[in-house]
Amino acid sequence: RQLKVMTLSIGDGANDVSMIQAADVGIGIS
């Protein structure tokens, strides 16, 4: 919102789902 940039979130667990969905590109690590 503030920087008006594209964001990429990387997560490896269920606690990262909201962060991954909030980003423009989400990467899940199994």
ModelCIF file with pLDDT and N, C-alpha, C, O atoms, coordinates in Angstrom:
data_MODEL
#
_entry.id   MODEL 
#
_entity.id                         1 
_entity.type                       polymer 
_entity.pdbx_number_of_molecules   1 
#
_entity_poly.entity_id                      1 
_entity_poly.type                           'polypeptide(L)' 
_entity_poly.nstd_linkage                   no 
_entity_poly.nstd_monomer                   no 
_entity_poly.pdbx_seq_one_letter_code       RQLKVMTLSIGDGANDVSMIQAADVGIGIS 
_entity_poly.pdbx_seq_one_letter_code_can   RQLKVMTLSIGDGANDVSMIQAADVGIGIS 
_entity_poly.pdbx_strand_id                 A 
#
loop_
_entity_poly_seq.entity_id 
_entity_poly_seq.num 
_entity_poly_seq.mon_id 
_entity_poly_seq.hetero 
1 1  ARG n 
1 2  GLN n 
1 3  LEU n 
1 4  LYS n 
1 5  VAL n 
1 6  MET n 
1 7  THR n 
1 8  LEU n 
1 9  SER n 
1 10 ILE n 
1 11 GLY n 
1 12 ASP n 
1 13 GLY n 
1 14 ALA n 
1 15 ASN n 
1 16 ASP n 
1 17 VAL n 
1 18 SER n 
1 19 MET n 
1 20 ILE n 
1 21 GLN n 
1 22 ALA n 
1 23 ALA n 
1 24 ASP n 
1 25 VAL n 
1 26 GLY n 
1 27 ILE n 
1 28 GLY n 
1 29 ILE n 
1 30 SER n 
#
_struct_asym.id          A 
_struct_asym.entity_id   1 
#
loop_
_ma_qa_metric.id 
_ma_qa_metric.mode 
_ma_qa_metric.name 
_ma_qa_metric.software_group_id 
_ma_qa_metric.type 
1 global pLDDT . pLDDT 
2 local  pLDDT . pLDDT 
#
_ma_qa_metric_global.metric_id      1 
_ma_qa_metric_global.metric_value   85.93 
_ma_qa_metric_global.model_id       1 
_ma_qa_metric_global.ordinal_id     1 
#
loop_
_ma_qa_metric_local.label_asym_id 
_ma_qa_metric_local.label_comp_id 
_ma_qa_metric_local.label_seq_id 
_ma_qa_metric_local.metric_id 
_ma_qa_metric_local.metric_value 
_ma_qa_metric_local.model_id 
_ma_qa_metric_local.ordinal_id 
A ARG 1  2 91.00 1 1  
A GLN 2  2 90.00 1 2  
A LEU 3  2 87.00 1 3  
A LYS 4  2 88.00 1 4  
A VAL 5  2 86.00 1 5  
A MET 6  2 87.00 1 6  
A THR 7  2 88.00 1 7  
A LEU 8  2 87.00 1 8  
A SER 9  2 88.00 1 9  
A ILE 10 2 87.00 1 10 
A GLY 11 2 84.00 1 11 
A ASP 12 2 82.00 1 12 
A GLY 13 2 76.00 1 13 
A ALA 14 2 76.00 1 14 
A ASN 15 2 82.00 1 15 
A ASP 16 2 84.00 1 16 
A VAL 17 2 84.00 1 17 
A SER 18 2 87.00 1 18 
A MET 19 2 88.00 1 19 
A ILE 20 2 88.00 1 20 
A GLN 21 2 88.00 1 21 
A ALA 22 2 90.00 1 22 
A ALA 23 2 90.00 1 23 
A ASP 24 2 91.00 1 24 
A VAL 25 2 88.00 1 25 
A GLY 26 2 88.00 1 26 
A ILE 27 2 88.00 1 27 
A GLY 28 2 84.00 1 28 
A ILE 29 2 84.00 1 29 
A SER 30 2 77.00 1 30 
#
loop_
_atom_site.group_PDB 
_atom_site.id 
_atom_site.type_symbol 
_atom_site.label_atom_id 
_atom_site.label_alt_id 
_atom_site.label_comp_id 
_atom_site.label_asym_id 
_atom_site.label_entity_id 
_atom_site.label_seq_id 
_atom_site.pdbx_PDB_ins_code 
_atom_site.Cartn_x 
_atom_site.Cartn_y 
_atom_site.Cartn_z 
_atom_site.occupancy 
_atom_site.B_iso_or_equiv 
_atom_site.pdbx_formal_charge 
_atom_site.auth_seq_id 
_atom_site.auth_comp_id 
_atom_site.auth_asym_id 
_atom_site.auth_atom_id 
_atom_site.pdbx_PDB_model_num 
ATOM 1   N N  . ARG A 1 1  ? 0.817  -1.212  0.000  1.00 91.00 ? 1  ARG A N  1 
ATOM 2   C CA . ARG A 1 1  ? 0.000  0.000   0.000  1.00 91.00 ? 1  ARG A CA 1 
ATOM 3   C C  . ARG A 1 1  ? 0.854  1.268   0.000  1.00 91.00 ? 1  ARG A C  1 
ATOM 4   O O  . ARG A 1 1  ? 0.596  2.185   -0.778 1.00 91.00 ? 1  ARG A O  1 
ATOM 5   N N  . GLN A 1 2  ? 1.851  1.325   0.851  1.00 90.00 ? 2  GLN A N  1 
ATOM 6   C CA . GLN A 1 2  ? 2.625  2.551   1.009  1.00 90.00 ? 2  GLN A CA 1 
ATOM 7   C C  . GLN A 1 2  ? 3.692  2.734   -0.067 1.00 90.00 ? 2  GLN A C  1 
ATOM 8   O O  . GLN A 1 2  ? 3.852  3.834   -0.596 1.00 90.00 ? 2  GLN A O  1 
ATOM 9   N N  . LEU A 1 3  ? 4.423  1.671   -0.397 1.00 87.00 ? 3  LEU A N  1 
ATOM 10  C CA . LEU A 1 3  ? 5.510  1.791   -1.359 1.00 87.00 ? 3  LEU A CA 1 
ATOM 11  C C  . LEU A 1 3  ? 5.070  1.565   -2.796 1.00 87.00 ? 3  LEU A C  1 
ATOM 12  O O  . LEU A 1 3  ? 5.812  1.867   -3.731 1.00 87.00 ? 3  LEU A O  1 
ATOM 13  N N  . LYS A 1 4  ? 3.857  1.032   -2.975 1.00 88.00 ? 4  LYS A N  1 
ATOM 14  C CA . LYS A 1 4  ? 3.302  0.759   -4.308 1.00 88.00 ? 4  LYS A CA 1 
ATOM 15  C C  . LYS A 1 4  ? 4.275  -0.069  -5.157 1.00 88.00 ? 4  LYS A C  1 
ATOM 16  O O  . LYS A 1 4  ? 4.642  0.313   -6.268 1.00 88.00 ? 4  LYS A O  1 
ATOM 17  N N  . VAL A 1 5  ? 4.677  -1.205  -4.599 1.00 86.00 ? 5  VAL A N  1 
ATOM 18  C CA . VAL A 1 5  ? 5.576  -2.139  -5.275 1.00 86.00 ? 5  VAL A CA 1 
ATOM 19  C C  . VAL A 1 5  ? 4.921  -3.506  -5.319 1.00 86.00 ? 5  VAL A C  1 
ATOM 20  O O  . VAL A 1 5  ? 3.948  -3.772  -4.614 1.00 86.00 ? 5  VAL A O  1 
ATOM 21  N N  . MET A 1 6  ? 5.475  -4.370  -6.163 1.00 87.00 ? 6  MET A N  1 
ATOM 22  C CA . MET A 1 6  ? 5.022  -5.762  -6.188 1.00 87.00 ? 6  MET A CA 1 
ATOM 23  C C  . MET A 1 6  ? 5.721  -6.511  -5.065 1.00 87.00 ? 6  MET A C  1 
ATOM 24  O O  . MET A 1 6  ? 6.901  -6.285  -4.797 1.00 87.00 ? 6  MET A O  1 
ATOM 25  N N  . THR A 1 7  ? 4.995  -7.394  -4.417 1.00 88.00 ? 7  THR A N  1 
ATOM 26  C CA . THR A 1 7  ? 5.553  -8.136  -3.301 1.00 88.00 ? 7  THR A CA 1 
ATOM 27  C C  . THR A 1 7  ? 5.584  -9.627  -3.598 1.00 88.00 ? 7  THR A C  1 
ATOM 28  O O  . THR A 1 7  ? 4.750  -10.151 -4.337 1.00 88.00 ? 7  THR A O  1 
ATOM 29  N N  . LEU A 1 8  ? 6.566  -10.298 -3.004 1.00 87.00 ? 8  LEU A N  1 
ATOM 30  C CA . LEU A 1 8  ? 6.730  -11.734 -3.128 1.00 87.00 ? 8  LEU A CA 1 
ATOM 31  C C  . LEU A 1 8  ? 6.847  -12.297 -1.726 1.00 87.00 ? 8  LEU A C  1 
ATOM 32  O O  . LEU A 1 8  ? 7.672  -11.837 -0.935 1.00 87.00 ? 8  LEU A O  1 
ATOM 33  N N  . SER A 1 9  ? 6.031  -13.284 -1.415 1.00 88.00 ? 9  SER A N  1 
ATOM 34  C CA . SER A 1 9  ? 6.087  -13.918 -0.095 1.00 88.00 ? 9  SER A CA 1 
ATOM 35  C C  . SER A 1 9  ? 6.446  -15.386 -0.260 1.00 88.00 ? 9  SER A C  1 
ATOM 36  O O  . SER A 1 9  ? 5.964  -16.068 -1.164 1.00 88.00 ? 9  SER A O  1 
ATOM 37  N N  . ILE A 1 10 ? 7.301  -15.848 0.635  1.00 87.00 ? 10 ILE A N  1 
ATOM 38  C CA . ILE A 1 10 ? 7.750  -17.237 0.614  1.00 87.00 ? 10 ILE A CA 1 
ATOM 39  C C  . ILE A 1 10 ? 7.445  -17.830 1.979  1.00 87.00 ? 10 ILE A C  1 
ATOM 40  O O  . ILE A 1 10 ? 7.795  -17.249 3.006  1.00 87.00 ? 10 ILE A O  1 
ATOM 41  N N  . GLY A 1 11 ? 6.796  -18.980 1.991  1.00 84.00 ? 11 GLY A N  1 
ATOM 42  C CA . GLY A 1 11 ? 6.465  -19.622 3.250  1.00 84.00 ? 11 GLY A CA 1 
ATOM 43  C C  . GLY A 1 11 ? 6.546  -21.123 3.148  1.00 84.00 ? 11 GLY A C  1 
ATOM 44  O O  . GLY A 1 11 ? 6.471  -21.705 2.066  1.00 84.00 ? 11 GLY A O  1 
ATOM 45  N N  . ASP A 1 12 ? 6.705  -21.746 4.325  1.00 82.00 ? 12 ASP A N  1 
ATOM 46  C CA . ASP A 1 12 ? 6.833  -23.201 4.331  1.00 82.00 ? 12 ASP A CA 1 
ATOM 47  C C  . ASP A 1 12 ? 5.851  -23.882 5.260  1.00 82.00 ? 12 ASP A C  1 
ATOM 48  O O  . ASP A 1 12 ? 5.980  -25.078 5.521  1.00 82.00 ? 12 ASP A O  1 
ATOM 49  N N  . GLY A 1 13 ? 4.879  -23.154 5.762  1.00 76.00 ? 13 GLY A N  1 
ATOM 50  C CA . GLY A 1 13 ? 3.951  -23.779 6.684  1.00 76.00 ? 13 GLY A CA 1 
ATOM 51  C C  . GLY A 1 13 ? 2.587  -23.131 6.647  1.00 76.00 ? 13 GLY A C  1 
ATOM 52  O O  . GLY A 1 13 ? 2.360  -22.157 5.929  1.00 76.00 ? 13 GLY A O  1 
ATOM 53  N N  . ALA A 1 14 ? 1.678  -23.688 7.437  1.00 76.00 ? 14 ALA A N  1 
ATOM 54  C CA . ALA A 1 14 ? 0.305  -23.192 7.465  1.00 76.00 ? 14 ALA A CA 1 
ATOM 55  C C  . ALA A 1 14 ? 0.218  -21.789 8.063  1.00 76.00 ? 14 ALA A C  1 
ATOM 56  O O  . ALA A 1 14 ? -0.724 -21.051 7.775  1.00 76.00 ? 14 ALA A O  1 
ATOM 57  N N  . ASN A 1 15 ? 1.199  -21.413 8.899  1.00 82.00 ? 15 ASN A N  1 
ATOM 58  C CA . ASN A 1 15 ? 1.168  -20.079 9.488  1.00 82.00 ? 15 ASN A CA 1 
ATOM 59  C C  . ASN A 1 15 ? 1.565  -18.990 8.488  1.00 82.00 ? 15 ASN A C  1 
ATOM 60  O O  . ASN A 1 15 ? 1.465  -17.805 8.807  1.00 82.00 ? 15 ASN A O  1 
ATOM 61  N N  . ASP A 1 16 ? 2.013  -19.365 7.290  1.00 84.00 ? 16 ASP A N  1 
ATOM 62  C CA . ASP A 1 16 ? 2.408  -18.393 6.280  1.00 84.00 ? 16 ASP A CA 1 
ATOM 63  C C  . ASP A 1 16 ? 1.344  -18.172 5.211  1.00 84.00 ? 16 ASP A C  1 
ATOM 64  O O  . ASP A 1 16 ? 1.559  -17.392 4.283  1.00 84.00 ? 16 ASP A O  1 
ATOM 65  N N  . VAL A 1 17 ? 0.217  -18.835 5.323  1.00 84.00 ? 17 VAL A N  1 
ATOM 66  C CA . VAL A 1 17 ? -0.810 -18.781 4.276  1.00 84.00 ? 17 VAL A CA 1 
ATOM 67  C C  . VAL A 1 17 ? -1.344 -17.363 4.105  1.00 84.00 ? 17 VAL A C  1 
ATOM 68  O O  . VAL A 1 17 ? -1.479 -16.910 2.968  1.00 84.00 ? 17 VAL A O  1 
ATOM 69  N N  . SER A 1 18 ? -1.650 -16.653 5.167  1.00 87.00 ? 18 SER A N  1 
ATOM 70  C CA . SER A 1 18 ? -2.209 -15.304 5.029  1.00 87.00 ? 18 SER A CA 1 
ATOM 71  C C  . SER A 1 18 ? -1.195 -14.344 4.418  1.00 87.00 ? 18 SER A C  1 
ATOM 72  O O  . SER A 1 18 ? -1.572 -13.449 3.662  1.00 87.00 ? 18 SER A O  1 
ATOM 73  N N  . MET A 1 19 ? 0.076  -14.517 4.732  1.00 88.00 ? 19 MET A N  1 
ATOM 74  C CA . MET A 1 19 ? 1.120  -13.678 4.151  1.00 88.00 ? 19 MET A CA 1 
ATOM 75  C C  . MET A 1 19 ? 1.255  -13.965 2.654  1.00 88.00 ? 19 MET A C  1 
ATOM 76  O O  . MET A 1 19 ? 1.397  -13.041 1.853  1.00 88.00 ? 19 MET A O  1 
ATOM 77  N N  . ILE A 1 20 ? 1.212  -15.233 2.283  1.00 88.00 ? 20 ILE A N  1 
ATOM 78  C CA . ILE A 1 20 ? 1.353  -15.619 0.885  1.00 88.00 ? 20 ILE A CA 1 
ATOM 79  C C  . ILE A 1 20 ? 0.170  -15.099 0.066  1.00 88.00 ? 20 ILE A C  1 
ATOM 80  O O  . ILE A 1 20 ? 0.346  -14.645 -1.065 1.00 88.00 ? 20 ILE A O  1 
ATOM 81  N N  . GLN A 1 21 ? -1.029 -15.167 0.635  1.00 88.00 ? 21 GLN A N  1 
ATOM 82  C CA . GLN A 1 21 ? -2.210 -14.692 -0.087 1.00 88.00 ? 21 GLN A CA 1 
ATOM 83  C C  . GLN A 1 21 ? -2.258 -13.175 -0.174 1.00 88.00 ? 21 GLN A C  1 
ATOM 84  O O  . GLN A 1 21 ? -2.887 -12.637 -1.085 1.00 88.00 ? 21 GLN A O  1 
ATOM 85  N N  . ALA A 1 22 ? -1.613 -12.472 0.747  1.00 90.00 ? 22 ALA A N  1 
ATOM 86  C CA . ALA A 1 22 ? -1.616 -11.013 0.708  1.00 90.00 ? 22 ALA A CA 1 
ATOM 87  C C  . ALA A 1 22 ? -0.646 -10.465 -0.332 1.00 90.00 ? 22 ALA A C  1 
ATOM 88  O O  . ALA A 1 22 ? -0.796 -9.326  -0.775 1.00 90.00 ? 22 ALA A O  1 
ATOM 89  N N  . ALA A 1 23 ? 0.342  -11.256 -0.724 1.00 90.00 ? 23 ALA A N  1 
ATOM 90  C CA . ALA A 1 23 ? 1.356  -10.802 -1.679 1.00 90.00 ? 23 ALA A CA 1 
ATOM 91  C C  . ALA A 1 23 ? 0.870  -10.944 -3.113 1.00 90.00 ? 23 ALA A C  1 
ATOM 92  O O  . ALA A 1 23 ? -0.101 -11.647 -3.396 1.00 90.00 ? 23 ALA A O  1 
ATOM 93  N N  . ASP A 1 24 ? 1.574  -10.256 -4.013 1.00 91.00 ? 24 ASP A N  1 
ATOM 94  C CA . ASP A 1 24 ? 1.256  -10.384 -5.431 1.00 91.00 ? 24 ASP A CA 1 
ATOM 95  C C  . ASP A 1 24 ? 1.634  -11.769 -5.953 1.00 91.00 ? 24 ASP A C  1 
ATOM 96  O O  . ASP A 1 24 ? 0.895  -12.376 -6.727 1.00 91.00 ? 24 ASP A O  1 
ATOM 97  N N  . VAL A 1 25 ? 2.789  -12.255 -5.519 1.00 88.00 ? 25 VAL A N  1 
ATOM 98  C CA . VAL A 1 25 ? 3.264  -13.583 -5.913 1.00 88.00 ? 25 VAL A CA 1 
ATOM 99  C C  . VAL A 1 25 ? 3.563  -14.360 -4.646 1.00 88.00 ? 25 VAL A C  1 
ATOM 100 O O  . VAL A 1 25 ? 4.290  -13.879 -3.776 1.00 88.00 ? 25 VAL A O  1 
ATOM 101 N N  . GLY A 1 26 ? 3.009  -15.557 -4.536 1.00 88.00 ? 26 GLY A N  1 
ATOM 102 C CA . GLY A 1 26 ? 3.231  -16.390 -3.367 1.00 88.00 ? 26 GLY A CA 1 
ATOM 103 C C  . GLY A 1 26 ? 3.920  -17.686 -3.741 1.00 88.00 ? 26 GLY A C  1 
ATOM 104 O O  . GLY A 1 26 ? 3.531  -18.362 -4.694 1.00 88.00 ? 26 GLY A O  1 
ATOM 105 N N  . ILE A 1 27 ? 4.955  -18.027 -2.972 1.00 88.00 ? 27 ILE A N  1 
ATOM 106 C CA . ILE A 1 27 ? 5.711  -19.251 -3.223 1.00 88.00 ? 27 ILE A CA 1 
ATOM 107 C C  . ILE A 1 27 ? 5.648  -20.102 -1.972 1.00 88.00 ? 27 ILE A C  1 
ATOM 108 O O  . ILE A 1 27 ? 5.973  -19.644 -0.877 1.00 88.00 ? 27 ILE A O  1 
ATOM 109 N N  . GLY A 1 28 ? 5.230  -21.339 -2.143 1.00 84.00 ? 28 GLY A N  1 
ATOM 110 C CA . GLY A 1 28 ? 5.187  -22.280 -1.033 1.00 84.00 ? 28 GLY A CA 1 
ATOM 111 C C  . GLY A 1 28 ? 6.332  -23.268 -1.130 1.00 84.00 ? 28 GLY A C  1 
ATOM 112 O O  . GLY A 1 28 ? 6.602  -23.820 -2.197 1.00 84.00 ? 28 GLY A O  1 
ATOM 113 N N  . ILE A 1 29 ? 7.003  -23.487 -0.012 1.00 84.00 ? 29 ILE A N  1 
ATOM 114 C CA . ILE A 1 29 ? 8.101  -24.438 0.049  1.00 84.00 ? 29 ILE A CA 1 
ATOM 115 C C  . ILE A 1 29 ? 7.612  -25.645 0.825  1.00 84.00 ? 29 ILE A C  1 
ATOM 116 O O  . ILE A 1 29 ? 7.137  -25.515 1.952  1.00 84.00 ? 29 ILE A O  1 
ATOM 117 N N  . SER A 1 30 ? 7.729  -26.821 0.224  1.00 77.00 ? 30 SER A N  1 
ATOM 118 C CA . SER A 1 30 ? 7.235  -28.026 0.877  1.00 77.00 ? 30 SER A CA 1 
ATOM 119 C C  . SER A 1 30 ? 8.372  -28.694 1.645  1.00 77.00 ? 30 SER A C  1 
ATOM 120 O O  . SER A 1 30 ? 8.167  -29.733 2.272  1.00 77.00 ? 30 SER A O  1 
#
